Amino acid sequence: MINLIIARRYAKALLTIGKEDGRYKEYGEELNAFAQLLEREPDLKNAIVNPIYSKDDRRGVLLRVTELIKLSPMVSNFVKLLFDKRRIDAILGISQVYQQLVDQLENISRAQVKIAVPLEEATLSRIRETLEKITGNTVVMEVEEEPAIIGGIIARAGDLILDGSVRTQLQSLTESLKRSEVF
C-alpha cells in the first residue's frame, strides 16, 4: 500500500491545479471513477499494473481506457504521471485522500451513523443537524443498520465518536458490576 505522505502529495498537487482552474470537484469525481473502475475490474488493473507485461503494452491499455471513459485532459495526464512514476496501483488511496482534502476545503464532515432499526427521515435530519452543530461543518451521513447495537445510535464524524447504543450502556453496566460499584 502506498505511503499516506506520498498519496497526500499527489492528491494535493491535483487539488492545487483544480483550485486554480475551478474544476477540482470534476477532477475528484473523475479520479474516483477511474480508481473505482480499476477496483471493480481486477483484470484491467492487472493489465495496467502487472510488470509481467511490457511497459509499452500496459501504457497502451491505460491510454485506451482513459480515452474510452473520456477523462478530462488534466486527469488523464495525472493518471499517466502516476503510471510513469509507478504509482498507478495506489490510485484508490490517492483518490480517497483527494476527497478528504476537498471535504476540508468545503467544510464537509463525513459521518458514519449506525442504527439498530430504520429511523424516520425527520429523526435522521435531527441527527445530522446535531452533528453539524457539534462539528461546525456540513455533515454528509452514511447510515448503516446494525441490529447488534440493540438500540440507540453510534455516530462517527472524523475523530468524534458519539456512542449512545444500548449495547455500550449494557457493557458499561456489566463492567461496573464486575468492579462492585453501586449506582
Protein backbone atom coordinates (compact mmCIF):
# COMPACT_ATOMS: atom_id res chain seq x y z
CA MET A 1 0.00 0.00 0.00
CA ILE A 2 1.19 3.48 -0.83
CA ASN A 3 2.53 5.65 1.91
CA LEU A 4 -0.03 8.20 3.12
CA ILE A 5 2.51 11.01 2.73
CA ILE A 6 3.01 10.16 -0.93
CA ALA A 7 -0.74 9.82 -1.54
CA ARG A 8 -1.25 13.20 0.08
CA ARG A 9 1.46 14.77 -2.07
CA TYR A 10 -0.14 13.59 -5.33
CA ALA A 11 -3.65 14.48 -4.17
CA LYS A 12 -2.56 17.98 -3.11
CA ALA A 13 -0.85 18.55 -6.46
CA LEU A 14 -4.02 17.72 -8.41
CA LEU A 15 -6.17 19.73 -6.00
CA THR A 16 -3.93 22.78 -6.39
CA ILE A 17 -4.37 22.65 -10.15
CA GLY A 18 -8.09 22.07 -9.76
CA LYS A 19 -8.48 25.09 -7.48
CA GLU A 20 -6.63 27.26 -9.99
CA ASP A 21 -8.93 26.38 -12.87
CA GLY A 22 -12.05 25.91 -10.70
CA ARG A 23 -12.59 22.28 -11.70
CA TYR A 24 -11.39 20.49 -8.55
CA LYS A 25 -14.75 18.77 -7.95
CA GLU A 26 -14.84 17.43 -11.50
CA TYR A 27 -11.25 16.19 -11.18
CA GLY A 28 -12.09 14.40 -7.94
CA GLU A 29 -15.12 12.71 -9.48
CA GLU A 30 -13.09 11.56 -12.49
CA LEU A 31 -10.21 10.33 -10.37
CA ASN A 32 -12.62 8.41 -8.13
CA ALA A 33 -14.45 6.92 -11.12
CA PHE A 34 -11.16 5.70 -12.61
CA ALA A 35 -9.98 4.29 -9.27
CA GLN A 36 -13.31 2.51 -8.75
CA LEU A 37 -13.13 1.10 -12.29
CA LEU A 38 -9.75 -0.46 -11.53
CA GLU A 39 -11.07 -1.87 -8.25
CA ARG A 40 -14.18 -3.31 -9.94
CA GLU A 41 -12.21 -4.80 -12.83
CA PRO A 42 -9.20 -6.67 -11.41
CA ASP A 43 -8.22 -7.98 -14.85
CA LEU A 44 -7.99 -4.44 -16.17
CA LYS A 45 -5.97 -3.34 -13.14
CA ASN A 46 -3.66 -6.32 -13.64
CA ALA A 47 -3.18 -5.41 -17.32
CA ILE A 48 -2.09 -1.90 -16.31
CA VAL A 49 -0.14 -2.62 -13.12
CA ASN A 50 1.47 -6.03 -13.56
CA PRO A 51 5.13 -5.75 -14.66
CA ILE A 52 4.92 -9.14 -16.34
CA TYR A 53 3.55 -7.21 -19.33
CA SER A 54 5.79 -4.76 -21.15
CA LYS A 55 5.60 -1.14 -20.09
CA ASP A 56 4.54 -0.09 -23.59
CA ASP A 57 1.66 -2.61 -23.61
CA ARG A 58 0.49 -1.53 -20.18
CA ARG A 59 0.70 2.14 -21.15
CA GLY A 60 -1.27 1.39 -24.31
CA VAL A 61 -4.06 -0.21 -22.28
CA LEU A 62 -4.05 2.75 -19.90
CA LEU A 63 -4.26 5.28 -22.74
CA ARG A 64 -7.09 3.37 -24.40
CA VAL A 65 -9.07 3.19 -21.15
CA THR A 66 -8.64 6.92 -20.46
CA GLU A 67 -9.93 7.62 -23.98
CA LEU A 68 -12.91 5.29 -23.63
CA ILE A 69 -14.10 6.74 -20.33
CA LYS A 70 -13.40 10.27 -21.59
CA LEU A 71 -11.26 11.59 -18.77
CA SER A 72 -10.51 15.29 -18.94
CA PRO A 73 -7.02 16.11 -20.25
CA MET A 74 -5.87 17.10 -16.74
CA VAL A 75 -6.96 13.88 -15.04
CA SER A 76 -5.75 11.83 -17.99
CA ASN A 77 -2.31 13.42 -17.69
CA PHE A 78 -2.38 12.88 -13.93
CA VAL A 79 -3.13 9.18 -14.40
CA LYS A 80 -0.32 8.92 -16.97
CA LEU A 81 2.04 10.58 -14.48
CA LEU A 82 1.06 8.05 -11.83
CA PHE A 83 1.77 5.28 -14.33
CA ASP A 84 5.16 6.74 -15.28
CA LYS A 85 6.11 7.13 -11.61
CA ARG A 86 4.94 3.56 -10.89
CA ARG A 87 2.20 4.78 -8.55
CA ILE A 88 -0.84 3.78 -10.61
CA ASP A 89 -1.64 0.90 -8.27
CA ALA A 90 -2.13 3.46 -5.50
CA ILE A 91 -4.77 5.47 -7.31
CA LEU A 92 -7.56 4.44 -4.93
CA GLY A 93 -5.64 5.76 -1.90
CA ILE A 94 -4.80 8.96 -3.74
CA SER A 95 -8.46 9.38 -4.69
CA GLN A 96 -9.54 8.92 -1.06
CA VAL A 97 -7.02 11.49 0.18
CA TYR A 98 -8.14 13.86 -2.58
CA GLN A 99 -11.75 13.56 -1.37
CA GLN A 100 -10.66 14.27 2.21
CA LEU A 101 -8.85 17.40 1.05
CA VAL A 102 -11.91 18.57 -0.90
CA ASP A 103 -14.07 17.95 2.17
CA GLN A 104 -11.70 20.08 4.27
CA LEU A 105 -11.76 22.82 1.64
CA GLU A 106 -15.56 22.87 1.62
CA ASN A 107 -16.02 22.35 5.39
CA ILE A 108 -17.70 18.99 5.00
CA SER A 109 -17.58 16.22 7.58
CA ARG A 110 -18.49 12.68 6.58
CA ALA A 111 -20.28 10.79 9.32
CA GLN A 112 -20.94 7.09 9.66
CA VAL A 113 -24.10 6.52 11.68
CA LYS A 114 -25.03 3.05 12.90
CA ILE A 115 -28.62 2.46 13.92
CA ALA A 116 -30.36 -0.63 15.31
CA VAL A 117 -33.63 -0.14 13.41
CA PRO A 118 -34.67 2.07 10.50
CA LEU A 119 -35.38 5.66 11.52
CA GLU A 120 -37.73 8.23 10.03
CA GLU A 121 -36.23 10.89 7.80
CA ALA A 122 -37.13 13.60 10.36
CA THR A 123 -35.09 11.79 13.02
CA LEU A 124 -32.14 11.40 10.67
CA SER A 125 -32.36 15.12 9.87
CA ARG A 126 -32.20 15.97 13.57
CA ILE A 127 -29.16 13.72 13.97
CA ARG A 128 -27.49 15.47 11.00
CA GLU A 129 -28.31 18.91 12.44
CA THR A 130 -26.87 17.93 15.82
CA LEU A 131 -23.67 16.65 14.22
CA GLU A 132 -23.41 19.86 12.20
CA LYS A 133 -23.67 21.93 15.39
CA ILE A 134 -21.00 19.82 17.10
CA THR A 135 -18.55 19.75 14.17
CA GLY A 136 -19.27 23.21 12.79
CA ASN A 137 -19.31 21.67 9.30
CA THR A 138 -21.87 20.48 6.83
CA VAL A 139 -22.39 16.78 7.54
CA VAL A 140 -22.86 14.08 4.93
CA MET A 141 -24.19 10.99 6.67
CA GLU A 142 -23.81 7.36 5.70
CA VAL A 143 -26.41 5.41 7.64
CA GLU A 144 -25.96 1.69 8.29
CA GLU A 145 -28.28 -0.65 10.12
CA GLU A 146 -26.56 -2.77 12.74
CA PRO A 147 -29.01 -4.71 14.93
CA ALA A 148 -26.17 -5.78 17.25
CA ILE A 149 -26.20 -2.35 18.92
CA ILE A 150 -29.69 -3.29 20.24
CA GLY A 151 -30.93 0.33 20.32
CA GLY A 152 -29.74 3.91 20.08
CA ILE A 153 -27.10 5.10 17.62
CA ILE A 154 -23.36 5.28 17.14
CA ALA A 155 -22.16 8.30 15.15
CA ARG A 156 -18.60 8.79 13.95
CA ALA A 157 -17.51 12.01 12.23
CA GLY A 158 -13.75 12.22 11.85
CA ASP A 159 -12.22 11.91 15.32
CA LEU A 160 -15.56 12.48 17.04
CA ILE A 161 -17.38 9.35 18.23
CA LEU A 162 -20.78 9.57 19.89
CA ASP A 163 -21.90 6.20 21.23
CA GLY A 164 -25.42 6.15 22.57
CA SER A 165 -26.02 2.49 21.88
CA VAL A 166 -27.79 0.20 24.31
CA ARG A 167 -25.03 -2.37 23.79
CA THR A 168 -22.37 0.06 25.07
CA GLN A 169 -24.53 1.06 28.02
CA LEU A 170 -25.02 -2.61 28.94
CA GLN A 171 -21.28 -3.23 28.65
CA SER A 172 -20.59 -0.27 30.95
CA LEU A 173 -23.12 -1.56 33.45
CA THR A 174 -21.54 -5.03 33.32
CA GLU A 175 -18.07 -3.56 33.96
CA SER A 176 -19.41 -1.52 36.87
CA LEU A 177 -21.00 -4.60 38.39
CA LYS A 178 -17.76 -6.55 37.99
CA ARG A 179 -15.93 -3.81 39.87
CA SER A 180 -18.68 -4.00 42.51
CA GLU A 181 -19.68 -0.40 42.01
CA VAL A 182 -23.12 0.52 43.22
CA PHE A 183 -25.25 3.10 41.50
